[in-house]
Amino acid sequence: MQNTNPSWNTFKSLIVTAELPDLGPTPRAGRLPLAELNRKLDDFIQATQLALALESLVRSAALLWHDYLDESHTISQSIQNAEGSFLHAIMHRREQDYGNAKYWFRRVGPHASFGPIASQTQRFLEVKGQRELGSKLIPRDQWDSFAFVDACAATAQRPPADPTAQILRSIQEIEFTALLSHIFSTDSGYGILGVIAGS
């Protein structure tokens, strides 16, 4: 289901970067400075009147997207739900602690965003002619977060310009977008109280 919440579109615009995050912990030159990112997040949270339960997820996600892994981790490890565990797992995968990433994906369990991740990744990989990778990541048409951790681990030593690394970075974006779309969806149970004034 498409997310029509205007807060989601505003958040995507707020955190957009010129290039996708790396599979590993390397910070990009184009990320926002931490103080500026936090200021933008404060303004966004105030303008959208986000429910308190959503604020921590949104901040952790934005920090993770902008390569502030430690700062994101500090927040996500205190969020006691599947979405917090999901962000926690991505953070550990990016810091290349793959065993810990799998531990947190086990804590996530079957997630509502796995369906959209599987279908979007399948379409993306078909366009790229990567059916074999698709069969590994999406066995029986189900997203396998553990297989994706393994794929990232196998590619960890390749340069960012490597074609497989580029494909996995795009899949990581699909994963992140599907998770955040779920978090911002009106039926996700987080009780978004308002939207951008004038939207």
Protein backbone atom coordinates (compact mmCIF):
# COMPACT_ATOMS: atom_id res chain seq x y z
CA MET A 1 0.00 0.00 0.00
CA GLN A 2 1.32 3.42 -0.96
CA ASN A 3 2.00 5.81 1.93
CA THR A 4 0.12 9.07 1.39
CA ASN A 5 1.12 10.71 4.66
CA PRO A 6 2.57 14.14 3.79
CA SER A 7 4.92 13.91 6.78
CA TRP A 8 6.62 10.95 5.11
CA ASN A 9 7.31 12.93 1.93
CA THR A 10 8.63 15.86 3.97
CA PHE A 11 10.91 13.55 5.96
CA LYS A 12 12.30 11.99 2.77
CA SER A 13 13.11 15.47 1.45
CA LEU A 14 14.74 16.42 4.75
CA ILE A 15 17.20 13.51 4.82
CA VAL A 16 17.94 13.20 1.08
CA THR A 17 21.62 12.88 0.13
CA ALA A 18 23.41 13.11 -3.21
CA GLU A 19 24.61 9.52 -2.97
CA LEU A 20 23.34 6.43 -1.22
CA PRO A 21 24.84 5.33 2.11
CA ASP A 22 27.70 2.89 1.92
CA LEU A 23 27.18 -0.74 2.94
CA GLY A 24 29.82 -0.17 5.60
CA PRO A 25 30.51 2.54 8.17
CA THR A 26 32.34 5.00 5.93
CA PRO A 27 30.78 8.49 6.23
CA ARG A 28 30.10 10.35 2.99
CA ALA A 29 31.45 13.82 2.39
CA GLY A 30 27.98 15.07 1.44
CA ARG A 31 26.19 14.18 4.66
CA LEU A 32 24.73 16.98 6.76
CA PRO A 33 26.77 18.11 9.77
CA LEU A 34 25.33 16.56 12.94
CA ALA A 35 24.20 19.85 14.49
CA GLU A 36 22.43 20.90 11.28
CA LEU A 37 20.72 17.52 10.90
CA ASN A 38 19.50 17.59 14.51
CA ARG A 39 18.22 21.14 14.06
CA LYS A 40 16.28 20.11 10.95
CA LEU A 41 14.88 17.09 12.79
CA ASP A 42 13.79 19.25 15.73
CA ASP A 43 11.97 21.59 13.35
CA PHE A 44 10.37 18.66 11.52
CA ILE A 45 9.21 16.97 14.73
CA GLN A 46 7.71 20.21 16.02
CA ALA A 47 5.99 21.07 12.73
CA THR A 48 4.49 17.62 12.26
CA GLN A 49 3.54 17.12 15.93
CA LEU A 50 4.78 13.55 15.78
CA ALA A 51 3.71 11.17 18.49
CA LEU A 52 6.43 10.67 21.09
CA ALA A 53 6.80 6.99 20.11
CA LEU A 54 7.62 8.05 16.56
CA GLU A 55 10.19 10.74 17.40
CA SER A 56 12.94 8.33 18.43
CA LEU A 57 12.46 6.15 15.36
CA VAL A 58 12.56 9.15 13.03
CA ARG A 59 15.68 10.58 14.65
CA SER A 60 17.50 7.23 14.72
CA ALA A 61 16.64 6.63 11.05
CA ALA A 62 17.82 10.07 9.94
CA LEU A 63 21.09 9.70 11.84
CA LEU A 64 21.61 6.25 10.32
CA TRP A 65 20.98 7.52 6.78
CA HIS A 66 23.53 10.31 7.34
CA ASP A 67 26.20 7.87 8.58
CA TYR A 68 26.04 8.81 12.27
CA LEU A 69 26.03 5.18 13.30
CA ASP A 70 26.96 5.62 16.97
CA GLU A 71 24.36 8.34 17.48
CA SER A 72 21.70 6.24 15.75
CA HIS A 73 22.67 3.22 17.82
CA THR A 74 22.31 5.11 21.09
CA ILE A 75 18.67 5.76 20.19
CA SER A 76 17.68 2.52 18.45
CA GLN A 77 18.96 0.25 21.21
CA SER A 78 16.46 1.85 23.60
CA ILE A 79 13.43 1.40 21.28
CA GLN A 80 11.63 -1.73 22.40
CA ASN A 81 9.71 -2.67 19.28
CA ALA A 82 10.28 -4.35 15.90
CA GLU A 83 11.03 -1.07 14.13
CA GLY A 84 13.67 -0.11 16.67
CA SER A 85 15.22 -3.57 16.31
CA PHE A 86 15.15 -3.17 12.51
CA LEU A 87 17.10 0.12 12.66
CA HIS A 88 19.43 -1.45 15.22
CA ALA A 89 20.06 -4.38 12.87
CA ILE A 90 20.82 -2.14 9.87
CA MET A 91 23.23 -0.11 12.00
CA HIS A 92 25.15 -3.25 13.05
CA ARG A 93 25.21 -4.51 9.46
CA ARG A 94 26.70 -1.21 8.33
CA GLU A 95 29.34 -1.28 11.06
CA GLN A 96 30.15 -4.76 9.75
CA ASP A 97 29.19 -6.58 12.95
CA TYR A 98 27.23 -9.15 10.96
CA GLY A 99 26.51 -11.59 13.77
CA ASN A 100 24.99 -8.82 15.85
CA ALA A 101 22.99 -7.62 12.83
CA LYS A 102 21.47 -11.09 12.50
CA TYR A 103 20.69 -11.17 16.21
CA TRP A 104 18.66 -7.98 15.86
CA PHE A 105 16.95 -9.19 12.70
CA ARG A 106 15.85 -12.24 14.70
CA ARG A 107 14.38 -9.79 17.21
CA VAL A 108 12.52 -8.06 14.35
CA GLY A 109 10.75 -11.27 13.32
CA PRO A 110 8.48 -11.26 10.25
CA HIS A 111 7.95 -7.57 9.52
CA ALA A 112 5.18 -5.84 7.58
CA SER A 113 7.78 -4.11 5.38
CA PHE A 114 9.31 -7.40 4.20
CA GLY A 115 6.60 -7.85 1.54
CA PRO A 116 7.27 -4.47 -0.12
CA ILE A 117 11.04 -5.01 0.20
CA ALA A 118 10.76 -8.39 -1.52
CA SER A 119 8.56 -7.18 -4.40
CA GLN A 120 10.52 -3.98 -5.06
CA THR A 121 13.86 -5.77 -4.84
CA GLN A 122 12.62 -8.51 -7.17
CA ARG A 123 11.61 -5.95 -9.80
CA PHE A 124 14.89 -4.06 -9.38
CA LEU A 125 17.02 -7.20 -9.75
CA GLU A 126 15.08 -8.38 -12.80
CA VAL A 127 15.82 -5.06 -14.51
CA LYS A 128 19.49 -5.46 -13.55
CA GLY A 129 19.59 -9.03 -14.85
CA GLN A 130 20.45 -10.34 -11.38
CA ARG A 131 18.04 -13.27 -11.06
CA GLU A 132 20.58 -15.40 -9.20
CA LEU A 133 20.99 -12.74 -6.50
CA GLY A 134 17.21 -12.43 -6.38
CA SER A 135 16.84 -16.16 -5.71
CA LYS A 136 19.25 -15.83 -2.77
CA LEU A 137 17.66 -12.73 -1.23
CA ILE A 138 14.04 -13.60 -1.97
CA PRO A 139 13.63 -17.38 -1.73
CA ARG A 140 10.02 -18.48 -2.20
CA ASP A 141 9.09 -14.82 -2.79
CA GLN A 142 9.95 -13.96 0.85
CA TRP A 143 12.51 -11.33 1.87
CA ASP A 144 15.46 -12.95 3.67
CA SER A 145 17.14 -10.30 5.82
CA PHE A 146 19.83 -12.81 6.89
CA ALA A 147 20.75 -13.51 3.25
CA PHE A 148 21.06 -9.77 2.69
CA VAL A 149 23.43 -9.51 5.67
CA ASP A 150 25.51 -12.31 4.10
CA ALA A 151 25.51 -10.56 0.71
CA CYS A 152 26.72 -7.32 2.32
CA ALA A 153 29.43 -9.23 4.22
CA ALA A 154 30.63 -10.90 1.01
CA THR A 155 30.90 -7.50 -0.68
CA ALA A 156 32.44 -5.63 2.25
CA GLN A 157 35.97 -5.44 0.87
CA ARG A 158 34.95 -4.25 -2.58
CA PRO A 159 35.20 -0.56 -3.49
CA PRO A 160 31.95 1.46 -3.44
CA ALA A 161 32.03 1.71 -7.26
CA ASP A 162 31.96 -2.10 -7.61
CA PRO A 163 28.79 -3.07 -9.56
CA THR A 164 27.63 -5.60 -6.93
CA ALA A 165 28.21 -3.07 -4.14
CA GLN A 166 26.17 -0.51 -6.09
CA ILE A 167 23.31 -2.99 -6.49
CA LEU A 168 23.36 -3.84 -2.78
CA ARG A 169 23.40 -0.14 -1.85
CA SER A 170 20.27 0.32 -3.96
CA ILE A 171 18.62 -2.64 -2.21
CA GLN A 172 19.60 -1.13 1.13
CA GLU A 173 17.75 2.03 0.04
CA ILE A 174 14.68 -0.07 -0.85
CA GLU A 175 14.85 -1.70 2.59
CA PHE A 176 15.22 1.63 4.41
CA THR A 177 12.44 3.30 2.40
CA ALA A 178 10.00 0.43 2.97
CA LEU A 179 10.70 0.44 6.71
CA LEU A 180 10.25 4.21 7.01
CA SER A 181 7.13 4.16 4.85
CA HIS A 182 5.69 1.59 7.27
CA ILE A 183 6.68 3.70 10.27
CA PHE A 184 4.95 6.75 8.80
CA SER A 185 1.85 4.88 7.64
CA THR A 186 -1.34 5.95 9.35
CA ASP A 187 -2.16 2.35 10.33
CA SER A 188 1.20 1.50 11.90
CA GLY A 189 -0.10 2.29 15.37
CA TYR A 190 2.20 5.18 16.21
CA GLY A 191 -0.55 7.77 16.38
CA ILE A 192 0.80 10.59 14.22
CA LEU A 193 -0.96 13.61 15.70
CA GLY A 194 -0.62 16.06 12.87
CA VAL A 195 0.93 16.91 9.55
CA ILE A 196 2.84 19.86 8.17
CA ALA A 197 0.85 23.03 8.67
CA GLY A 198 -0.86 24.04 5.44
CA SER A 199 -0.40 20.62 3.79
